[in-house]
Amino acid sequence: MRDYLIRATAMEGKVRAFAVCSTGIVEELSRRHQTTPTSAAALGRTVSAGLMMGAMLKGEEKLTIMIKGGGPIGQIVVDANAKGEVRGYVSNPEVDLPLNEEGKLDVAGAVGTDGFLNITKDLGLKEPYRGSVPIISGELAEDFTFYFAKSEQTPSAVALGVLVDVDHSIKAAGGFVIQLLPGLKDDEITLIELLLSRVEPVTKLLEKGLNMEQILSHVLPDVEVLDEMEVHFRCKCSRERVEQTLISLGRSELEQILEDDGRAELVCHFCNERYLFEEEDLRTIISDL
């Protein structure tokens, strides 16, 4: 199934919903960062959340998710925007843990529960919006649900999942966000809660071949899709940007690198792309300073 996202409403506009299939994106990130199944699941869940939160933005707006839970995976960082573009990384992609008590990947053990989920939104204003909540689960879906309730005062249900195959490839990845808007009656809220309690994990639904509208139909009556868009992995790094990073070090620091190593190699955190600057390149940069 292709990677794409839908925006939808239900219950006469009193519920808004987002659903995303991100299997290809998570596969590419897993390959680029050489993740273990556990770190792939943690990164993939955050990427899916980032894509859906990006879809809540407009125009050139963008956001950064930063998760620091104190676990061995270290930091999870994801950038996303309103155009369906996303990139991300984990500090320690090689972290692998035994399966948890339920026989599933121990994402909570890798992420940890002693820290915060931080969201920074660039909305084109003078100062970015910042929201932060304590990590309550480490499984991440519950943590994003808590974030929406506490930081944005929007009652929400978040489901995120990554299914890793036996060969460590990504079999399925995606998620959905259901947000309750003013005007819902108690019996309607009860119905949604009942449907949510019965729904299978989102990865199981993706594995069955269900599309995004069908997945939302499992938890919402009368889903109306407003629009859909393609979603993509995209990193904004380039040799020119990396060269600017070198320039910012200053002449003396660059001369020291030249003397000690004879060249410089920089790696982008987000895409793991390597940029090599040989002796001649460094001398050219230094001469232009």
Protein backbone atom coordinates (compact mmCIF):
# COMPACT_ATOMS: atom_id res chain seq x y z
CA MET A 1 0.00 0.00 0.00
CA ARG A 2 1.29 3.47 -0.88
CA ASP A 3 2.07 5.99 1.83
CA TYR A 4 -0.71 8.52 2.18
CA LEU A 5 -2.81 10.39 4.72
CA ILE A 6 -6.49 11.32 4.90
CA ARG A 7 -8.36 14.02 6.77
CA ALA A 8 -11.94 13.21 7.66
CA THR A 9 -14.94 14.17 9.79
CA ALA A 10 -17.73 12.18 11.37
CA MET A 11 -20.89 12.64 13.42
CA GLU A 12 -22.01 15.75 11.56
CA GLY A 13 -18.65 17.47 11.91
CA LYS A 14 -18.41 16.97 15.67
CA VAL A 15 -15.43 14.63 15.26
CA ARG A 16 -12.35 15.18 13.14
CA ALA A 17 -9.96 12.40 12.24
CA PHE A 18 -6.63 11.73 10.56
CA ALA A 19 -5.23 8.41 9.39
CA VAL A 20 -1.90 7.63 7.78
CA CYS A 21 -0.11 4.72 6.17
CA SER A 22 3.64 5.29 6.57
CA THR A 23 5.08 1.85 5.82
CA GLY A 24 7.42 2.96 3.03
CA ILE A 25 8.70 5.96 4.98
CA VAL A 26 9.44 3.91 8.08
CA GLU A 27 11.15 1.27 5.94
CA GLU A 28 13.41 3.91 4.41
CA LEU A 29 14.26 5.44 7.78
CA SER A 30 14.93 1.99 9.22
CA ARG A 31 17.29 1.23 6.32
CA ARG A 32 19.07 4.57 6.52
CA HIS A 33 19.61 4.38 10.27
CA GLN A 34 20.06 0.58 10.44
CA THR A 35 17.58 0.32 13.27
CA THR A 36 16.76 -2.72 15.34
CA PRO A 37 13.07 -3.77 15.39
CA THR A 38 12.55 -2.00 18.74
CA SER A 39 14.06 1.32 17.66
CA ALA A 40 12.28 1.08 14.29
CA ALA A 41 8.97 0.73 16.13
CA ALA A 42 9.68 3.73 18.36
CA LEU A 43 10.82 5.93 15.48
CA GLY A 44 8.02 4.73 13.19
CA ARG A 45 5.30 5.47 15.71
CA THR A 46 6.66 8.98 16.22
CA VAL A 47 6.92 9.54 12.47
CA SER A 48 3.26 8.58 11.99
CA ALA A 49 2.23 10.95 14.78
CA GLY A 50 4.35 13.69 13.23
CA LEU A 51 2.74 13.25 9.82
CA MET A 52 -0.76 13.54 11.27
CA MET A 53 0.15 16.53 13.42
CA GLY A 54 1.74 18.12 10.36
CA ALA A 55 -1.57 17.65 8.52
CA MET A 56 -3.19 19.81 11.21
CA LEU A 57 -1.00 22.72 10.11
CA LYS A 58 -1.29 25.02 7.08
CA GLY A 59 0.91 26.44 4.34
CA GLU A 60 4.57 26.69 5.34
CA GLU A 61 3.97 25.76 8.98
CA LYS A 62 6.06 22.97 10.47
CA LEU A 63 6.74 21.22 13.75
CA THR A 64 9.39 19.28 15.63
CA ILE A 65 8.69 16.43 18.03
CA MET A 66 11.36 15.68 20.62
CA ILE A 67 10.96 12.76 23.00
CA LYS A 68 13.37 12.21 25.89
CA GLY A 69 12.17 9.44 28.15
CA GLY A 70 15.39 8.46 29.86
CA GLY A 71 15.46 5.04 28.19
CA PRO A 72 18.36 3.43 26.30
CA ILE A 73 17.09 4.63 22.91
CA GLY A 74 18.02 8.16 23.93
CA GLN A 75 16.28 10.96 22.09
CA ILE A 76 13.67 10.63 19.33
CA VAL A 77 13.43 13.63 17.01
CA VAL A 78 10.94 14.03 14.14
CA ASP A 79 10.37 17.02 11.85
CA ALA A 80 7.13 17.27 9.85
CA ASN A 81 5.22 19.92 7.93
CA ALA A 82 1.87 20.67 6.36
CA LYS A 83 3.03 19.31 2.98
CA GLY A 84 3.24 15.70 4.15
CA GLU A 85 7.04 15.71 4.47
CA VAL A 86 8.78 14.07 7.40
CA ARG A 87 12.23 13.08 8.62
CA GLY A 88 13.48 11.69 11.92
CA TYR A 89 16.08 9.80 13.92
CA VAL A 90 16.76 8.15 17.27
CA SER A 91 19.99 8.69 19.21
CA ASN A 92 20.72 4.98 19.61
CA PRO A 93 19.21 3.02 16.68
CA GLU A 94 21.07 -0.14 17.70
CA VAL A 95 19.09 -0.54 20.95
CA ASP A 96 17.36 -3.90 21.16
CA LEU A 97 15.44 -5.33 24.09
CA PRO A 98 13.75 -8.63 24.84
CA LEU A 99 10.03 -8.81 24.05
CA ASN A 100 7.78 -7.46 26.78
CA GLU A 101 5.37 -9.47 28.93
CA GLU A 102 2.81 -9.46 26.11
CA GLY A 103 5.33 -10.87 23.65
CA LYS A 104 5.58 -7.56 21.78
CA LEU A 105 8.43 -5.15 21.03
CA ASP A 106 9.34 -3.34 24.23
CA VAL A 107 9.02 0.22 22.96
CA ALA A 108 8.22 1.57 26.42
CA GLY A 109 11.38 -0.04 27.81
CA ALA A 110 13.46 1.54 25.05
CA VAL A 111 11.88 5.00 25.31
CA GLY A 112 11.57 5.15 29.10
CA THR A 113 9.03 6.99 31.22
CA ASP A 114 11.26 9.49 33.01
CA GLY A 115 11.11 12.50 30.76
CA PHE A 116 9.03 14.64 28.46
CA LEU A 117 7.35 14.78 25.07
CA ASN A 118 8.05 18.22 23.58
CA ILE A 119 6.37 19.78 20.54
CA THR A 120 7.64 22.95 18.87
CA LYS A 121 5.47 24.46 16.12
CA ASP A 122 6.72 27.11 13.70
CA LEU A 123 3.50 28.90 12.77
CA GLY A 124 5.17 31.85 11.09
CA LEU A 125 4.80 34.01 14.18
CA LYS A 126 7.52 35.90 16.03
CA GLU A 127 7.88 33.10 18.57
CA PRO A 128 7.24 29.39 17.99
CA TYR A 129 4.55 27.56 19.95
CA ARG A 130 5.96 25.12 22.49
CA GLY A 131 4.09 22.40 24.32
CA SER A 132 5.46 19.84 26.74
CA VAL A 133 3.98 16.99 28.77
CA PRO A 134 5.51 14.27 30.94
CA ILE A 135 5.83 10.86 29.32
CA ILE A 136 3.21 8.66 30.99
CA SER A 137 3.55 5.40 29.06
CA GLY A 138 6.54 5.25 26.74
CA GLU A 139 4.38 3.31 24.27
CA LEU A 140 3.92 6.74 22.60
CA ALA A 141 0.29 6.54 21.42
CA GLU A 142 -0.88 7.14 25.00
CA ASP A 143 1.70 9.89 25.36
CA PHE A 144 0.43 11.76 22.30
CA THR A 145 -3.15 11.29 23.56
CA PHE A 146 -2.06 12.90 26.85
CA TYR A 147 -0.33 15.71 24.95
CA PHE A 148 -3.48 16.61 22.99
CA ALA A 149 -5.59 16.60 26.16
CA LYS A 150 -3.22 18.60 28.35
CA SER A 151 -1.33 20.88 25.99
CA GLU A 152 -3.96 21.54 23.31
CA GLN A 153 -7.10 20.87 25.39
CA THR A 154 -8.50 18.58 22.69
CA PRO A 155 -9.87 15.19 23.83
CA SER A 156 -8.27 12.72 21.42
CA ALA A 157 -7.60 9.06 20.82
CA VAL A 158 -4.29 8.18 19.18
CA ALA A 159 -3.35 4.80 17.73
CA LEU A 160 0.15 4.14 16.36
CA GLY A 161 1.81 0.97 15.20
CA VAL A 162 4.79 -0.55 13.41
CA LEU A 163 4.84 -4.22 12.41
CA VAL A 164 8.37 -5.52 11.85
CA ASP A 165 8.81 -8.70 9.78
CA VAL A 166 11.15 -11.56 10.67
CA ASP A 167 13.82 -10.20 8.30
CA HIS A 168 13.59 -6.81 10.14
CA SER A 169 11.85 -5.14 7.19
CA ILE A 170 8.80 -3.01 7.91
CA LYS A 171 5.65 -4.95 7.15
CA ALA A 172 3.18 -2.22 8.12
CA ALA A 173 3.27 1.20 9.80
CA GLY A 174 0.67 3.85 10.39
CA GLY A 175 -1.85 5.28 12.80
CA PHE A 176 -4.90 7.41 13.36
CA VAL A 177 -5.99 10.35 15.51
CA ILE A 178 -9.62 10.86 16.53
CA GLN A 179 -10.44 14.26 18.03
CA LEU A 180 -13.71 15.09 19.78
CA LEU A 181 -15.05 18.58 19.09
CA PRO A 182 -17.64 20.61 21.03
CA GLY A 183 -21.24 19.50 20.58
CA LEU A 184 -20.89 15.75 21.05
CA LYS A 185 -23.53 14.19 23.27
CA ASP A 186 -22.67 11.74 26.04
CA ASP A 187 -24.16 8.79 24.17
CA GLU A 188 -22.09 9.64 21.08
CA ILE A 189 -18.92 9.79 23.16
CA THR A 190 -19.83 6.45 24.74
CA LEU A 191 -20.30 4.92 21.27
CA ILE A 192 -16.88 6.12 20.11
CA GLU A 193 -15.26 4.77 23.28
CA LEU A 194 -16.96 1.41 22.71
CA LEU A 195 -15.79 1.22 19.09
CA LEU A 196 -12.25 2.19 20.10
CA SER A 197 -12.17 -0.53 22.75
CA ARG A 198 -13.03 -3.13 20.11
CA VAL A 199 -10.76 -2.04 17.29
CA GLU A 200 -7.76 -4.19 16.35
CA PRO A 201 -4.23 -2.73 16.36
CA VAL A 202 -3.75 -0.40 13.41
CA THR A 203 -0.93 -2.57 12.02
CA LYS A 204 -3.25 -5.58 11.92
CA LEU A 205 -5.77 -3.56 9.93
CA LEU A 206 -3.05 -2.40 7.53
CA GLU A 207 -1.76 -5.95 7.19
CA LYS A 208 -5.26 -7.03 6.15
CA GLY A 209 -5.08 -4.50 3.32
CA LEU A 210 -7.61 -2.03 4.68
CA ASN A 211 -7.29 1.51 3.38
CA MET A 212 -7.34 4.59 5.59
CA GLU A 213 -11.07 5.26 5.21
CA GLN A 214 -11.89 1.66 6.12
CA ILE A 215 -9.67 1.87 9.18
CA LEU A 216 -11.42 5.03 10.39
CA SER A 217 -14.79 3.38 9.72
CA HIS A 218 -13.88 0.79 12.37
CA VAL A 219 -13.94 3.48 15.06
CA LEU A 220 -16.30 6.13 13.69
CA PRO A 221 -19.78 5.99 12.17
CA ASP A 222 -20.46 7.92 8.96
CA VAL A 223 -16.88 8.87 8.11
CA GLU A 224 -16.62 11.58 5.45
CA VAL A 225 -13.18 11.99 3.86
CA LEU A 226 -12.34 15.64 3.27
CA ASP A 227 -9.09 15.10 1.37
CA GLU A 228 -6.03 12.92 1.07
CA MET A 229 -2.39 13.61 0.34
CA GLU A 230 0.78 11.72 -0.38
CA VAL A 231 3.32 11.64 2.43
CA HIS A 232 7.08 11.39 1.94
CA PHE A 233 10.40 11.13 3.68
CA ARG A 234 12.35 14.28 2.88
CA CYS A 235 15.53 15.62 4.39
CA LYS A 236 16.63 19.18 3.73
CA CYS A 237 20.33 18.54 4.15
CA SER A 238 22.71 19.23 1.26
CA ARG A 239 26.43 19.63 0.70
CA GLU A 240 25.94 23.41 0.63
CA ARG A 241 24.20 23.41 4.02
CA VAL A 242 26.88 21.18 5.53
CA GLU A 243 29.57 23.48 4.15
CA GLN A 244 27.92 26.37 5.96
CA THR A 245 28.23 24.35 9.17
CA LEU A 246 31.95 23.99 8.54
CA ILE A 247 32.28 27.71 7.80
CA SER A 248 30.57 28.49 11.11
CA LEU A 249 33.40 26.72 12.94
CA GLY A 250 35.78 29.52 11.99
CA ARG A 251 39.27 29.60 10.49
CA SER A 252 41.24 28.38 13.52
CA GLU A 253 38.99 25.35 14.12
CA LEU A 254 39.10 24.38 10.44
CA GLU A 255 42.89 24.72 10.35
CA GLN A 256 43.09 22.41 13.37
CA ILE A 257 40.88 19.83 11.61
CA LEU A 258 43.08 20.09 8.54
CA GLU A 259 46.22 19.57 10.60
CA ASP A 260 44.83 16.68 12.68
CA ASP A 261 42.79 14.75 10.12
CA GLY A 262 43.48 16.19 6.69
CA ARG A 263 39.78 16.05 5.87
CA ALA A 264 36.33 16.33 7.45
CA GLU A 265 33.36 13.99 7.33
CA LEU A 266 29.96 15.16 8.52
CA VAL A 267 26.86 12.98 8.88
CA CYS A 268 23.28 14.27 8.86
CA HIS A 269 21.41 13.05 11.94
CA PHE A 270 18.10 12.89 10.09
CA CYS A 271 19.01 10.89 6.98
CA ASN A 272 22.46 9.47 7.80
CA GLU A 273 23.85 10.94 4.59
CA ARG A 274 27.63 11.39 4.76
CA TYR A 275 29.41 14.45 3.37
CA LEU A 276 33.18 14.21 2.87
CA PHE A 277 35.37 17.30 2.54
CA GLU A 278 38.89 16.42 1.41
CA GLU A 279 42.03 18.45 2.12
CA GLU A 280 41.59 20.56 -1.00
CA ASP A 281 37.96 21.32 -0.08
CA LEU A 282 38.97 22.46 3.40
CA ARG A 283 41.77 24.64 2.07
CA THR A 284 39.33 26.31 -0.33
CA ILE A 285 36.86 27.01 2.48
CA ILE A 286 39.61 28.41 4.71
CA SER A 287 40.96 30.63 1.94
CA ASP A 288 37.50 32.14 1.44
CA LEU A 289 37.12 33.10 5.10
